[in-house]
């Protein structure tokens, strides 16, 4: 696997701008919802697996 050279006429570097307070708040809310959803999914999978093993 080799390195890919950047074309001469294209700049692939990016400069990100800081997030506003509202954007940061929205992002944190979305991430929290995703974490809760994933935790519920994991908990359900554990319950189903424990039922299968006990039967």
N, C-alpha and C. Protein backbone atom coordinates (compact mmCIF):
# COMPACT_ATOMS: atom_id res chain seq x y z
N UNK A 1 0.86 -1.17 0.00
CA UNK A 1 0.00 0.00 0.00
C UNK A 1 0.90 1.23 0.00
N UNK A 2 0.72 2.10 -0.96
CA UNK A 2 1.58 3.26 -1.08
C UNK A 2 0.86 4.55 -0.75
N UNK A 3 1.61 5.61 -0.75
CA UNK A 3 1.05 6.92 -0.50
C UNK A 3 0.46 7.48 -1.79
N UNK A 4 -0.64 8.18 -1.68
CA UNK A 4 -1.26 8.82 -2.83
C UNK A 4 -0.88 10.29 -2.80
N UNK A 5 -0.30 10.76 -3.88
CA UNK A 5 0.12 12.16 -3.94
C UNK A 5 -1.08 13.06 -4.21
N UNK A 6 -1.04 14.23 -3.59
CA UNK A 6 -2.08 15.23 -3.79
C UNK A 6 -1.86 15.89 -5.15
N UNK A 7 -2.90 15.98 -5.98
CA UNK A 7 -2.75 16.66 -7.27
C UNK A 7 -2.30 18.10 -7.09
N UNK A 8 -1.57 18.63 -8.05
CA UNK A 8 -1.03 19.98 -7.94
C UNK A 8 -2.11 21.05 -7.90
N UNK A 9 -3.20 20.86 -8.61
CA UNK A 9 -4.23 21.89 -8.68
C UNK A 9 -5.37 21.70 -7.67
N UNK A 10 -5.23 20.72 -6.77
CA UNK A 10 -6.27 20.44 -5.79
C UNK A 10 -5.68 20.52 -4.39
N UNK A 11 -6.36 21.22 -3.49
CA UNK A 11 -5.94 21.32 -2.09
C UNK A 11 -6.89 20.48 -1.26
N UNK A 12 -6.39 19.39 -0.70
CA UNK A 12 -7.23 18.48 0.07
C UNK A 12 -7.28 18.82 1.55
N UNK A 13 -6.53 19.80 1.99
CA UNK A 13 -6.58 20.18 3.40
C UNK A 13 -7.85 20.99 3.66
N UNK A 14 -8.38 20.84 4.86
CA UNK A 14 -9.61 21.55 5.20
C UNK A 14 -9.38 22.39 6.45
N UNK A 15 -10.10 23.45 6.53
CA UNK A 15 -10.06 24.30 7.70
C UNK A 15 -11.46 24.31 8.28
N UNK A 16 -11.59 23.77 9.47
CA UNK A 16 -12.92 23.71 10.06
C UNK A 16 -13.18 24.95 10.90
N UNK A 17 -14.40 25.36 10.91
CA UNK A 17 -14.81 26.51 11.70
C UNK A 17 -15.37 26.03 13.02
N UNK A 18 -15.20 26.78 14.10
CA UNK A 18 -15.76 26.36 15.39
C UNK A 18 -17.28 26.35 15.33
N UNK A 19 -17.86 25.43 16.11
CA UNK A 19 -19.30 25.30 16.14
C UNK A 19 -19.91 26.39 17.00
N UNK A 20 -21.12 26.78 16.64
CA UNK A 20 -21.85 27.74 17.48
C UNK A 20 -22.39 26.99 18.69
N UNK A 21 -22.83 27.71 19.68
CA UNK A 21 -23.38 27.09 20.89
C UNK A 21 -24.62 26.26 20.54
N UNK A 22 -25.45 26.75 19.62
CA UNK A 22 -26.66 26.03 19.22
C UNK A 22 -26.31 24.73 18.49
N UNK A 23 -25.34 24.78 17.57
CA UNK A 23 -24.92 23.58 16.85
C UNK A 23 -24.34 22.54 17.80
N UNK A 24 -23.54 22.99 18.75
CA UNK A 24 -22.93 22.09 19.72
C UNK A 24 -24.01 21.45 20.60
N UNK A 25 -24.99 22.24 21.01
CA UNK A 25 -26.09 21.72 21.82
C UNK A 25 -26.89 20.68 21.04
N UNK A 26 -27.18 20.96 19.78
CA UNK A 26 -27.92 20.01 18.94
C UNK A 26 -27.13 18.72 18.75
N UNK A 27 -25.84 18.84 18.52
CA UNK A 27 -24.98 17.67 18.32
C UNK A 27 -24.97 16.80 19.58
N UNK A 28 -24.81 17.43 20.73
CA UNK A 28 -24.79 16.67 21.99
C UNK A 28 -26.12 15.97 22.24
N UNK A 29 -27.22 16.61 21.88
CA UNK A 29 -28.55 16.02 22.05
C UNK A 29 -28.69 14.78 21.15
N UNK A 30 -28.26 14.89 19.91
CA UNK A 30 -28.34 13.78 18.97
C UNK A 30 -27.49 12.61 19.44
N UNK A 31 -26.27 12.89 19.88
CA UNK A 31 -25.37 11.84 20.35
C UNK A 31 -25.96 11.15 21.58
N UNK A 32 -26.55 11.91 22.49
CA UNK A 32 -27.16 11.32 23.68
C UNK A 32 -28.31 10.40 23.29
N UNK A 33 -29.13 10.81 22.33
CA UNK A 33 -30.24 9.96 21.87
C UNK A 33 -29.72 8.68 21.24
N UNK A 34 -28.65 8.76 20.48
CA UNK A 34 -28.06 7.57 19.86
C UNK A 34 -27.52 6.62 20.92
N UNK A 35 -26.86 7.16 21.94
CA UNK A 35 -26.33 6.33 23.02
C UNK A 35 -27.44 5.61 23.78
N UNK A 36 -28.53 6.32 24.04
CA UNK A 36 -29.67 5.71 24.74
C UNK A 36 -30.28 4.59 23.89
N UNK A 37 -30.44 4.85 22.60
CA UNK A 37 -31.01 3.86 21.69
C UNK A 37 -30.12 2.62 21.61
N UNK A 38 -28.81 2.82 21.53
CA UNK A 38 -27.88 1.70 21.46
C UNK A 38 -27.86 0.91 22.77
N UNK A 39 -27.98 1.60 23.90
CA UNK A 39 -28.00 0.91 25.19
C UNK A 39 -29.25 0.04 25.30
N UNK A 40 -30.39 0.56 24.84
CA UNK A 40 -31.63 -0.23 24.88
C UNK A 40 -31.51 -1.46 23.98
N UNK A 41 -30.91 -1.27 22.82
CA UNK A 41 -30.74 -2.38 21.89
C UNK A 41 -29.83 -3.45 22.50
N UNK A 42 -28.76 -3.02 23.14
CA UNK A 42 -27.82 -3.95 23.76
C UNK A 42 -28.48 -4.68 24.92
N UNK A 43 -29.25 -3.95 25.73
CA UNK A 43 -29.94 -4.56 26.86
C UNK A 43 -30.93 -5.61 26.39
N UNK A 44 -31.64 -5.31 25.32
CA UNK A 44 -32.62 -6.26 24.78
C UNK A 44 -31.92 -7.52 24.26
N UNK A 45 -30.80 -7.34 23.59
CA UNK A 45 -30.05 -8.48 23.07
C UNK A 45 -29.54 -9.35 24.21
N UNK A 46 -29.09 -8.74 25.29
CA UNK A 46 -28.62 -9.50 26.44
C UNK A 46 -29.76 -10.29 27.08
N UNK A 47 -30.94 -9.67 27.18
CA UNK A 47 -32.08 -10.38 27.76
C UNK A 47 -32.48 -11.57 26.90
N UNK A 48 -32.49 -11.37 25.58
CA UNK A 48 -32.87 -12.47 24.68
C UNK A 48 -31.84 -13.61 24.76
N UNK A 49 -30.57 -13.27 24.84
CA UNK A 49 -29.53 -14.30 24.93
C UNK A 49 -29.61 -15.05 26.25
N UNK A 50 -29.92 -14.36 27.33
CA UNK A 50 -30.02 -15.03 28.62
C UNK A 50 -31.22 -15.97 28.65
N UNK A 51 -32.32 -15.59 27.97
CA UNK A 51 -33.49 -16.47 27.91
C UNK A 51 -33.18 -17.73 27.12
N UNK A 52 -32.44 -17.57 26.01
CA UNK A 52 -32.09 -18.71 25.17
C UNK A 52 -31.18 -19.69 25.93
N UNK A 53 -30.25 -19.17 26.72
CA UNK A 53 -29.32 -20.02 27.44
C UNK A 53 -30.00 -20.73 28.60
N UNK A 54 -30.99 -20.13 29.21
CA UNK A 54 -31.65 -20.76 30.36
C UNK A 54 -32.66 -21.83 29.95
N UNK A 55 -33.07 -21.81 28.69
CA UNK A 55 -34.08 -22.78 28.21
C UNK A 55 -33.44 -24.08 27.86
